[in-house]
Amino acid sequence: MSDSGDAESTGATADARHPAEPWRVKSIEFIRLTSVEERRAALLAAGYNVGLLPAELVYIDLYTDSGTSAMSDRQWAAVMLGDESYAGSRSYYRFEAAVRGHYGYEHVIPAHQGRAAENLLSRCLIRPGHHIPGNMYFTTTRQHQELNGGTFHDVIIDEAHDPDVDLPFKGNVDLVKLERLIDKVGAEQVPYVSLAATVNMAGGQPISMANLAEVRELTRRYRIPVMLDAARAVENAWFIKQREPGWSGRSVADILREMCALTDGATMSAKKDSFANIGGWLAVRDPALAEQARNLVVVYEGLHTYGGMAGRDLEATAQGIEESVQEDSIRTRVQQVAYLADRIAAAGVPIVRPVGGHAVFLNASAFLPGVPHEQFPAQTLTCALYLDAGIRSTERGAVSAGRDPVSGANRYPRLELVRLTIPRRTYTQSHMDVVADSVIRLYEQREALRSGVEFAYEPETLRFFQSRFRPLSGEPLFG
């Protein structure tokens, strides 16, 4: 009888028991379910932006898995070992060894989180007029590229933009698109290829090892570096092990190293795969680039041996890196996401297929067909979920896409999604059932919501964090 954890599946089959978590609870944090009246008042005060809600008024928080996961007892023990020396602390050297050992890059520059590493990389490599191809944009990544004068170009396969297409590696690069762009703008105007593993905005979709190798071969001919967003690279390695021929017998740790070996460097938010509450890094192979980044990290983050991280955070991250590649850990993480997806999909709720490793993505356009894209159906649905059951989710559609920097017009991506992002080792199966019940209930009542929201306040950059909205109907959402 095969191990159900090693079988390719979107989740538990009808006759399979939900797999038990490979840990037991040692400490708890109390949460409470607020009343509908409390939630309605809170949402109004937050300008219909769930990101502006006080966390104590959120029952189940699926806004992000960034820094919200539960650290292990060994991570908390490592916190007590933190060396807070300003320069050259022993905690830095443990952290450096962990990154080198599991990701394989020689030069490691700590930063306080992933977007800080993106800032360092962009400042080092991007100049006005540069063009950066990638397998779909991510919000902060593209923002840093544009702020430094670059233009992002999406070269992901077309199927990634269709939520209903079920392919194992929808994060793959379209090599024809990539080479056509390089030939059009000139290789000297492409500072690097920006690859995400997995692709967040496509629904947490992985890139295959074969495609990554093909990208590496193409870029080598043009002498263009490949830079990886490794925030969820462990999850990507798991999907390669499950879905790609020839890799099932390899460990997740081995596959992770092989993925990184095909790239020239990586940015990392340690708040994702590494279970840390804060932290990140930029790691590269080129010593000259590393020296440039170290000089910049001193300006923007802190000395190159702490980079905005306390010694205790360096220790917790190093331990988290070790735990992240444990097979039981990553299996349980992906299966919890799949369990929620299966429950929702069984009720006919439109979701992105296949299911990724960190979140279930609701297809808001199909969920709320009566709300036109100009009225931001995904933003509207996040509000409805909070009002119904105190669940906080994330808009990943037109609001997140922002405006075109030249025309100023709203970008309307084909994917208008709501992300139910599951923190690692934090919520139980019962919490997933509460989420599923709320999503299904709203879907059954979707005819009650025929108008969306409009901006009441819109900041210039990364508007989804700080924007405020108002219902277009003039009435509270869902009456």
Protein backbone atom coordinates (compact mmCIF):
# COMPACT_ATOMS: atom_id res chain seq x y z
CA MET A 1 0.00 0.00 0.00
CA SER A 2 1.50 3.34 -1.05
CA ASP A 3 2.04 6.28 1.26
CA SER A 4 -0.87 8.66 0.63
CA GLY A 5 1.44 11.60 1.32
CA ASP A 6 3.55 10.69 -1.70
CA ALA A 7 0.67 10.30 -4.14
CA GLU A 8 -0.08 13.17 -6.48
CA SER A 9 -3.39 14.64 -5.39
CA THR A 10 -5.11 17.93 -4.82
CA GLY A 11 -6.05 16.61 -1.38
CA ALA A 12 -7.42 13.75 0.63
CA THR A 13 -9.59 11.32 -1.33
CA ALA A 14 -13.10 10.52 -0.19
CA ASP A 15 -12.07 7.27 1.51
CA ALA A 16 -8.84 8.57 3.08
CA ARG A 17 -8.54 9.91 6.59
CA HIS A 18 -7.26 13.44 7.02
CA PRO A 19 -3.55 13.05 7.86
CA ALA A 20 -2.58 13.90 11.42
CA GLU A 21 -0.18 16.74 11.99
CA PRO A 22 3.38 15.68 12.87
CA TRP A 23 3.40 17.72 16.08
CA ARG A 24 1.44 18.29 19.26
CA VAL A 25 0.28 21.61 20.71
CA LYS A 26 2.50 23.13 23.40
CA SER A 27 1.15 26.67 23.66
CA ILE A 28 -2.05 28.41 22.53
CA GLU A 29 -3.23 31.91 21.65
CA PHE A 30 -6.85 32.80 22.37
CA ILE A 31 -9.07 34.10 19.57
CA ARG A 32 -12.74 35.01 19.61
CA LEU A 33 -15.57 35.27 17.11
CA THR A 34 -17.07 38.75 17.06
CA SER A 35 -20.70 39.58 16.36
CA VAL A 36 -21.95 40.64 12.94
CA GLU A 37 -22.59 44.12 14.34
CA GLU A 38 -19.00 44.39 15.60
CA ARG A 39 -17.64 43.23 12.26
CA ARG A 40 -19.80 45.63 10.28
CA ALA A 41 -18.63 48.57 12.39
CA ALA A 42 -15.00 47.44 12.16
CA LEU A 43 -15.16 47.06 8.38
CA LEU A 44 -16.70 50.53 7.99
CA ALA A 45 -13.95 52.02 10.16
CA ALA A 46 -11.32 50.21 8.07
CA GLY A 47 -12.68 51.66 4.85
CA TYR A 48 -13.71 48.21 3.56
CA ASN A 49 -10.07 47.14 3.48
CA VAL A 50 -9.60 44.04 5.64
CA GLY A 51 -5.87 44.75 5.81
CA LEU A 52 -6.66 47.76 8.01
CA LEU A 53 -8.67 45.77 10.55
CA PRO A 54 -7.29 45.32 14.08
CA ALA A 55 -6.11 41.71 14.34
CA GLU A 56 -8.01 41.18 17.60
CA LEU A 57 -11.26 41.59 15.61
CA VAL A 58 -10.30 38.81 13.18
CA TYR A 59 -11.38 35.26 14.00
CA ILE A 60 -9.42 33.25 11.41
CA ASP A 61 -6.65 35.26 9.79
CA LEU A 62 -5.82 34.07 6.28
CA TYR A 63 -4.49 37.42 5.09
CA THR A 64 -0.98 36.06 4.63
CA ASP A 65 1.38 33.25 5.56
CA SER A 66 4.22 35.78 5.86
CA GLY A 67 5.55 35.87 9.41
CA THR A 68 2.31 34.42 10.78
CA SER A 69 3.32 30.77 11.09
CA ALA A 70 3.94 29.04 14.40
CA MET A 71 7.57 28.61 15.38
CA SER A 72 8.67 25.29 16.87
CA ASP A 73 10.00 24.70 20.37
CA ARG A 74 13.48 24.41 18.85
CA GLN A 75 13.08 27.78 17.14
CA TRP A 76 12.00 29.38 20.39
CA ALA A 77 14.96 27.74 22.11
CA ALA A 78 17.23 29.14 19.38
CA VAL A 79 15.88 32.62 20.15
CA MET A 80 17.54 32.38 23.57
CA LEU A 81 20.87 31.63 21.89
CA GLY A 82 20.83 34.82 19.83
CA ASP A 83 24.11 36.70 19.85
CA GLU A 84 23.24 40.39 19.63
CA SER A 85 26.78 41.55 18.86
CA TYR A 86 26.63 44.40 16.36
CA ALA A 87 29.32 42.97 14.10
CA GLY A 88 30.09 39.37 13.24
CA SER A 89 27.79 37.63 15.73
CA ARG A 90 27.92 33.87 15.92
CA SER A 91 24.18 33.86 15.06
CA TYR A 92 25.02 35.33 11.65
CA TYR A 93 27.48 32.55 10.91
CA ARG A 94 24.93 29.89 11.84
CA PHE A 95 22.39 31.64 9.60
CA GLU A 96 24.91 31.90 6.75
CA ALA A 97 25.75 28.20 7.03
CA ALA A 98 22.07 27.22 6.92
CA VAL A 99 21.43 29.25 3.74
CA ARG A 100 24.59 27.95 2.08
CA GLY A 101 23.86 24.37 3.08
CA HIS A 102 20.25 24.21 1.86
CA TYR A 103 20.18 26.77 -0.96
CA GLY A 104 23.77 26.53 -2.17
CA TYR A 105 24.64 30.19 -2.68
CA GLU A 106 28.07 31.28 -1.50
CA HIS A 107 27.40 34.93 -0.60
CA VAL A 108 24.59 35.57 1.89
CA ILE A 109 23.37 39.07 2.81
CA PRO A 110 20.67 39.22 5.51
CA ALA A 111 17.76 41.65 5.27
CA HIS A 112 14.78 42.28 7.51
CA GLN A 113 12.35 40.67 5.02
CA GLY A 114 11.92 39.69 1.39
CA ARG A 115 11.03 43.08 -0.05
CA ALA A 116 14.18 44.52 1.51
CA ALA A 117 16.18 41.91 -0.39
CA GLU A 118 14.25 42.87 -3.55
CA ASN A 119 15.22 46.48 -2.96
CA LEU A 120 18.91 45.56 -2.70
CA LEU A 121 18.81 43.44 -5.85
CA SER A 122 16.93 46.08 -7.84
CA ARG A 123 19.23 48.89 -6.79
CA CYS A 124 22.27 46.82 -7.69
CA LEU A 125 21.17 45.64 -11.13
CA ILE A 126 18.36 47.77 -12.60
CA ARG A 127 18.87 51.04 -14.45
CA PRO A 128 16.37 53.26 -16.33
CA GLY A 129 15.36 51.61 -19.60
CA HIS A 130 15.99 48.05 -18.41
CA HIS A 131 13.48 45.27 -19.07
CA ILE A 132 12.92 42.44 -16.58
CA PRO A 133 11.09 39.31 -17.79
CA GLY A 134 9.46 37.02 -15.25
CA ASN A 135 6.88 34.30 -14.71
CA MET A 136 4.10 36.69 -13.66
CA TYR A 137 4.52 39.75 -11.50
CA PHE A 138 4.46 39.95 -7.74
CA THR A 139 3.41 43.22 -6.17
CA THR A 140 6.53 44.27 -4.25
CA THR A 141 8.93 42.74 -6.77
CA ARG A 142 7.51 44.71 -9.68
CA GLN A 143 7.27 47.86 -7.57
CA HIS A 144 11.00 47.79 -6.81
CA GLN A 145 11.79 47.08 -10.45
CA GLU A 146 9.69 50.03 -11.62
CA LEU A 147 10.98 52.41 -8.94
CA ASN A 148 14.50 51.78 -10.25
CA GLY A 149 13.50 52.55 -13.85
CA GLY A 150 12.80 49.05 -15.13
CA THR A 151 9.82 47.58 -16.94
CA PHE A 152 8.48 44.16 -16.01
CA HIS A 153 7.37 41.76 -18.76
CA ASP A 154 5.23 38.71 -18.08
CA VAL A 155 6.63 35.66 -19.93
CA ILE A 156 4.70 32.95 -18.10
CA ILE A 157 2.81 30.36 -20.14
CA ASP A 158 -0.65 31.50 -21.26
CA GLU A 159 -2.37 28.75 -19.28
CA ALA A 160 -1.28 30.40 -16.02
CA HIS A 161 -3.81 33.16 -16.64
CA ASP A 162 -6.72 30.70 -16.87
CA PRO A 163 -7.93 29.56 -13.44
CA ASP A 164 -9.73 26.54 -14.88
CA VAL A 165 -6.78 24.96 -16.71
CA ASP A 166 -5.38 22.11 -14.62
CA LEU A 167 -1.69 21.69 -15.46
CA PRO A 168 0.97 20.47 -13.03
CA PHE A 169 3.40 23.36 -13.69
CA LYS A 170 1.50 26.51 -14.53
CA GLY A 171 4.43 28.55 -13.24
CA ASN A 172 6.56 27.62 -16.27
CA VAL A 173 8.16 30.24 -18.49
CA ASP A 174 7.14 30.45 -22.15
CA LEU A 175 10.57 30.24 -23.75
CA VAL A 176 9.34 31.72 -27.03
CA LYS A 177 8.04 34.80 -25.21
CA LEU A 178 11.28 35.12 -23.29
CA GLU A 179 13.57 34.88 -26.28
CA ARG A 180 11.36 37.18 -28.35
CA LEU A 181 11.61 39.84 -25.64
CA ILE A 182 15.40 39.48 -25.37
CA ASP A 183 15.79 39.82 -29.13
CA LYS A 184 13.47 42.83 -29.21
CA VAL A 185 15.05 44.92 -26.45
CA GLY A 186 18.61 43.53 -26.61
CA ALA A 187 20.29 41.28 -24.07
CA GLU A 188 22.26 44.22 -22.66
CA GLN A 189 18.94 45.79 -21.55
CA VAL A 190 17.88 42.69 -19.57
CA PRO A 191 19.67 42.79 -16.20
CA TYR A 192 18.25 39.44 -15.10
CA VAL A 193 15.30 37.08 -15.48
CA SER A 194 13.04 37.19 -12.42
CA LEU A 195 11.65 33.75 -11.55
CA ALA A 196 9.20 32.93 -8.77
CA ALA A 197 8.93 29.46 -7.31
CA THR A 198 6.05 29.13 -6.66
CA VAL A 199 4.10 31.82 -8.56
CA ASN A 200 1.94 33.53 -5.98
CA MET A 201 -0.29 35.61 -8.26
CA ALA A 202 -1.12 32.60 -10.44
CA GLY A 203 -2.44 30.65 -7.46
CA GLY A 204 0.78 29.32 -5.96
CA GLN A 205 1.75 27.48 -9.13
CA PRO A 206 5.15 25.74 -9.36
CA ILE A 207 7.78 25.84 -12.06
CA SER A 208 9.18 22.49 -13.23
CA MET A 209 12.82 21.53 -12.97
CA ALA A 210 12.87 20.88 -16.72
CA ASN A 211 11.57 24.36 -17.51
CA LEU A 212 13.98 25.95 -15.08
CA ALA A 213 16.83 24.14 -16.83
CA GLU A 214 15.59 25.36 -20.21
CA VAL A 215 15.48 28.94 -18.96
CA ARG A 216 19.00 28.52 -17.61
CA GLU A 217 20.27 27.26 -20.97
CA LEU A 218 18.61 30.08 -22.91
CA THR A 219 19.86 32.82 -20.59
CA ARG A 220 23.38 31.37 -20.58
CA ARG A 221 23.55 31.93 -24.33
CA TYR A 222 22.71 35.59 -23.79
CA ARG A 223 24.79 35.92 -20.60
CA ILE A 224 21.76 37.01 -18.59
CA PRO A 225 21.57 36.07 -14.89
CA VAL A 226 18.59 34.22 -13.42
CA MET A 227 17.34 35.42 -10.03
CA LEU A 228 14.91 33.36 -7.98
CA ASP A 229 12.20 34.45 -5.59
CA ALA A 230 12.76 31.59 -3.15
CA ALA A 231 10.13 32.51 -0.55
CA ARG A 232 8.20 29.30 -1.23
CA ALA A 233 10.87 27.32 -3.07
CA VAL A 234 10.49 24.43 -0.62
CA GLU A 235 6.84 24.12 -1.64
CA ASN A 236 7.94 24.20 -5.28
CA ALA A 237 10.44 21.41 -4.57
CA TRP A 238 7.63 19.34 -3.06
CA PHE A 239 5.52 19.72 -6.20
CA ILE A 240 8.48 18.69 -8.37
CA LYS A 241 8.85 15.58 -6.21
CA GLN A 242 5.14 14.79 -6.57
CA ARG A 243 4.48 15.76 -10.18
CA GLU A 244 7.62 15.72 -12.31
CA PRO A 245 8.89 12.42 -13.74
CA GLY A 246 12.25 11.34 -12.42
CA TRP A 247 12.15 13.21 -9.13
CA SER A 248 9.91 11.13 -6.87
CA GLY A 249 12.86 9.29 -5.34
CA ARG A 250 14.76 12.45 -4.39
CA SER A 251 14.41 14.30 -1.10
CA VAL A 252 12.87 17.77 -0.95
CA ALA A 253 16.21 19.06 0.36
CA ASP A 254 18.05 17.65 -2.68
CA ILE A 255 15.50 19.05 -5.11
CA LEU A 256 15.73 22.48 -3.51
CA ARG A 257 19.50 22.51 -4.01
CA GLU A 258 19.10 21.41 -7.64
CA MET A 259 16.61 24.22 -8.30
CA CYS A 260 18.91 26.84 -6.87
CA ALA A 261 21.90 25.42 -8.77
CA LEU A 262 20.17 26.55 -11.97
CA THR A 263 20.08 30.18 -10.82
CA ASP A 264 22.60 32.92 -10.07
CA GLY A 265 21.01 34.20 -6.90
CA ALA A 266 17.83 34.52 -4.90
CA THR A 267 15.79 36.82 -2.73
CA MET A 268 14.10 35.23 0.25
CA SER A 269 11.41 36.13 2.72
CA ALA A 270 12.24 33.87 5.65
CA LYS A 271 8.73 34.64 6.92
CA LYS A 272 7.36 31.98 4.55
CA ASP A 273 9.03 28.57 4.18
CA SER A 274 11.43 29.15 7.07
CA PHE A 275 8.66 29.69 9.68
CA ALA A 276 10.28 32.90 10.97
CA ASN A 277 8.27 35.85 12.25
CA ILE A 278 10.66 38.28 10.53
CA GLY A 279 13.72 38.11 8.32
CA GLY A 280 15.01 37.46 4.84
CA TRP A 281 18.12 37.42 2.68
CA LEU A 282 19.70 38.08 -0.67
CA ALA A 283 22.14 35.39 -1.77
CA VAL A 284 24.28 35.40 -4.93
CA ARG A 285 27.20 33.64 -6.58
CA ASP A 286 28.95 36.68 -8.08
CA PRO A 287 31.42 38.12 -5.51
CA ALA A 288 31.34 41.59 -7.11
CA LEU A 289 27.53 41.73 -6.90
CA ALA A 290 27.72 40.48 -3.31
CA GLU A 291 30.10 43.26 -2.37
CA GLN A 292 27.83 45.85 -3.98
CA ALA A 293 24.86 44.48 -2.04
CA ARG A 294 26.79 44.47 1.22
CA ASN A 295 27.59 48.15 0.74
CA LEU A 296 23.91 48.91 0.16
CA VAL A 297 22.66 46.80 3.06
CA VAL A 298 24.72 48.96 5.41
CA VAL A 299 22.82 52.01 4.13
CA TYR A 300 19.29 50.59 4.16
CA GLU A 301 19.22 47.69 6.63
CA GLY A 302 22.18 47.46 8.98
CA LEU A 303 25.64 45.94 9.06
CA HIS A 304 26.15 43.14 6.53
CA THR A 305 26.24 40.54 9.32
CA TYR A 306 22.77 41.35 10.64
CA GLY A 307 21.00 43.31 7.90
CA GLY A 308 18.10 44.52 10.00
CA MET A 309 17.66 41.21 11.86
CA ALA A 310 18.31 40.68 15.55
CA GLY A 311 20.61 37.83 16.49
CA ARG A 312 17.64 35.90 17.88
CA ASP A 313 15.88 36.19 14.52
CA LEU A 314 18.97 34.93 12.71
CA GLU A 315 18.98 31.90 15.02
CA ALA A 316 15.24 31.23 14.60
CA THR A 317 15.57 31.47 10.82
CA ALA A 318 18.53 29.10 10.71
CA GLN A 319 16.56 26.52 12.68
CA GLY A 320 13.48 27.15 10.54
CA ILE A 321 15.47 26.46 7.37
CA GLU A 322 16.42 23.06 8.78
CA GLU A 323 12.79 22.26 9.63
CA SER A 324 11.39 23.52 6.33
CA VAL A 325 12.82 20.65 4.27
CA GLN A 326 11.58 17.89 6.56
CA GLU A 327 9.30 15.67 4.49
CA ASP A 328 6.57 15.34 7.11
CA SER A 329 6.48 19.09 7.60
CA ILE A 330 6.03 20.08 3.97
CA ARG A 331 3.64 17.18 3.29
CA THR A 332 1.33 18.27 6.09
CA ARG A 333 1.48 21.88 4.98
CA VAL A 334 0.42 21.12 1.40
CA GLN A 335 -2.24 18.62 2.46
CA GLN A 336 -3.93 21.11 4.77
CA VAL A 337 -4.28 23.53 1.86
CA ALA A 338 -5.61 20.70 -0.31
CA TYR A 339 -8.16 19.69 2.33
CA LEU A 340 -9.68 23.19 2.33
CA ALA A 341 -9.63 23.31 -1.47
CA ASP A 342 -11.38 19.96 -1.80
CA ARG A 343 -14.16 20.93 0.59
CA ILE A 344 -14.79 24.21 -1.23
CA ALA A 345 -14.54 22.77 -4.73
CA ALA A 346 -16.90 19.90 -3.88
CA ALA A 347 -19.62 22.51 -3.35
CA GLY A 348 -19.06 23.97 -6.81
CA VAL A 349 -17.18 27.08 -5.67
CA PRO A 350 -14.88 28.31 -8.49
CA ILE A 351 -11.22 28.11 -7.47
CA VAL A 352 -7.86 28.20 -9.24
CA ARG A 353 -6.72 24.77 -10.43
CA PRO A 354 -4.51 23.04 -9.62
CA VAL A 355 -4.31 23.96 -5.95
CA GLY A 356 -1.02 25.49 -4.86
CA GLY A 357 0.95 24.90 -1.70
CA HIS A 358 0.24 27.98 0.42
CA ALA A 359 -3.31 29.09 -0.31
CA VAL A 360 -6.65 28.40 -1.91
CA PHE A 361 -7.49 31.05 -4.50
CA LEU A 362 -11.16 31.82 -5.12
CA ASN A 363 -12.04 32.94 -8.64
CA ALA A 364 -13.84 36.14 -7.63
CA SER A 365 -14.99 36.97 -11.16
CA ALA A 366 -16.86 33.66 -11.39
CA PHE A 367 -17.94 33.79 -7.74
CA LEU A 368 -19.56 37.23 -8.17
CA PRO A 369 -20.45 37.45 -11.88
CA GLY A 370 -22.81 40.37 -11.21
CA VAL A 371 -19.94 42.60 -10.02
CA PRO A 372 -17.99 44.06 -12.99
CA HIS A 373 -14.21 44.24 -12.80
CA GLU A 374 -14.36 48.05 -12.49
CA GLN A 375 -16.08 47.48 -9.13
CA PHE A 376 -13.35 45.14 -7.84
CA PRO A 377 -15.14 41.83 -7.20
CA ALA A 378 -12.18 40.34 -5.31
CA GLN A 379 -12.01 43.28 -2.91
CA THR A 380 -15.77 43.01 -2.46
CA LEU A 381 -15.56 39.30 -1.68
CA THR A 382 -12.88 39.83 1.00
CA CYS A 383 -15.32 42.14 2.78
CA ALA A 384 -18.14 39.64 2.50
CA LEU A 385 -16.02 36.85 4.00
CA TYR A 386 -15.12 39.00 6.97
CA LEU A 387 -18.71 40.05 7.56
CA ASP A 388 -19.94 36.47 7.36
CA ALA A 389 -17.52 34.70 9.72
CA GLY A 390 -14.71 37.01 10.77
CA ILE A 391 -12.32 35.54 8.17
CA ARG A 392 -9.63 37.81 6.79
CA SER A 393 -8.42 37.03 3.27
CA THR A 394 -6.43 38.88 0.60
CA GLU A 395 -7.46 40.54 -2.66
CA ARG A 396 -5.27 39.48 -5.57
CA GLY A 397 -6.80 41.16 -8.59
CA ALA A 398 -7.16 44.63 -10.03
CA VAL A 399 -6.53 46.43 -6.74
CA SER A 400 -3.25 44.56 -6.25
CA ALA A 401 -2.30 45.04 -9.91
CA GLY A 402 -2.34 48.82 -9.49
CA ARG A 403 -2.13 51.35 -12.29
CA ASP A 404 -0.01 51.49 -15.41
CA PRO A 405 2.88 53.86 -14.61
CA VAL A 406 2.63 55.54 -18.03
CA SER A 407 -1.10 55.83 -18.72
CA GLY A 408 -2.30 55.84 -15.13
CA ALA A 409 -5.15 53.49 -16.05
CA ASN A 410 -6.15 50.62 -13.80
CA ARG A 411 -4.60 47.30 -14.71
CA TYR A 412 -7.21 44.55 -15.00
CA PRO A 413 -5.48 41.16 -14.90
CA ARG A 414 -7.30 38.11 -16.18
CA LEU A 415 -7.05 36.61 -12.72
CA GLU A 416 -9.33 38.37 -10.22
CA LEU A 417 -8.73 36.30 -7.12
CA VAL A 418 -9.25 36.12 -3.38
CA ARG A 419 -6.42 34.35 -1.59
CA LEU A 420 -7.14 32.23 1.48
CA THR A 421 -3.56 32.02 2.74
CA ILE A 422 -2.91 29.38 5.37
CA PRO A 423 -0.16 30.08 7.92
CA ARG A 424 2.05 27.08 8.64
CA ARG A 425 1.42 25.01 11.78
CA THR A 426 -1.16 27.52 13.03
CA TYR A 427 -4.75 26.45 12.37
CA THR A 428 -6.49 23.10 12.79
CA GLN A 429 -8.74 21.09 10.51
CA SER A 430 -11.72 22.52 12.42
CA HIS A 431 -10.64 26.02 11.47
CA MET A 432 -10.46 24.92 7.84
CA ASP A 433 -14.03 23.60 8.14
CA VAL A 434 -15.21 26.97 9.45
CA VAL A 435 -13.59 28.68 6.46
CA ALA A 436 -15.06 26.19 4.01
CA ASP A 437 -18.54 26.57 5.51
CA SER A 438 -18.38 30.36 5.20
CA VAL A 439 -17.15 30.30 1.60
CA ILE A 440 -19.83 27.80 0.60
CA ARG A 441 -22.55 29.78 2.39
CA LEU A 442 -21.57 32.99 0.60
CA TYR A 443 -21.45 31.22 -2.73
CA GLU A 444 -24.98 29.97 -2.21
CA GLN A 445 -26.05 33.56 -1.42
CA ARG A 446 -24.02 35.23 -4.18
CA GLU A 447 -27.08 36.63 -5.94
CA ALA A 448 -27.50 38.98 -2.99
CA LEU A 449 -24.37 40.87 -3.97
CA ARG A 450 -24.68 42.63 -7.32
CA SER A 451 -22.55 45.74 -6.81
CA GLY A 452 -19.01 46.20 -5.61
CA VAL A 453 -16.83 48.95 -4.19
CA GLU A 454 -14.96 52.03 -5.39
CA PHE A 455 -11.93 53.87 -4.07
CA ALA A 456 -12.46 56.41 -1.33
CA TYR A 457 -8.70 56.86 -0.92
CA GLU A 458 -5.93 55.49 -3.13
CA PRO A 459 -2.19 55.77 -2.38
CA GLU A 460 0.33 55.93 -5.22
CA THR A 461 2.21 52.68 -4.52
CA LEU A 462 1.16 49.22 -3.34
CA ARG A 463 -2.33 50.58 -2.97
CA PHE A 464 -3.89 47.36 -1.69
CA PHE A 465 -2.24 47.87 1.71
CA GLN A 466 -3.56 51.34 2.53
CA SER A 467 -6.53 52.00 0.22
CA ARG A 468 -9.99 52.72 1.53
CA PHE A 469 -13.23 51.92 -0.28
CA ARG A 470 -16.96 52.52 -0.14
CA PRO A 471 -19.83 50.33 -1.38
CA LEU A 472 -21.20 51.54 -4.71
CA SER A 473 -24.73 50.62 -3.71
CA GLY A 474 -24.62 53.17 -0.90
CA GLU A 475 -25.70 50.36 1.42
CA PRO A 476 -23.64 48.08 3.63
CA LEU A 477 -22.41 44.99 1.81
CA PHE A 478 -24.84 42.10 2.05
CA GLY A 479 -27.46 44.40 3.54
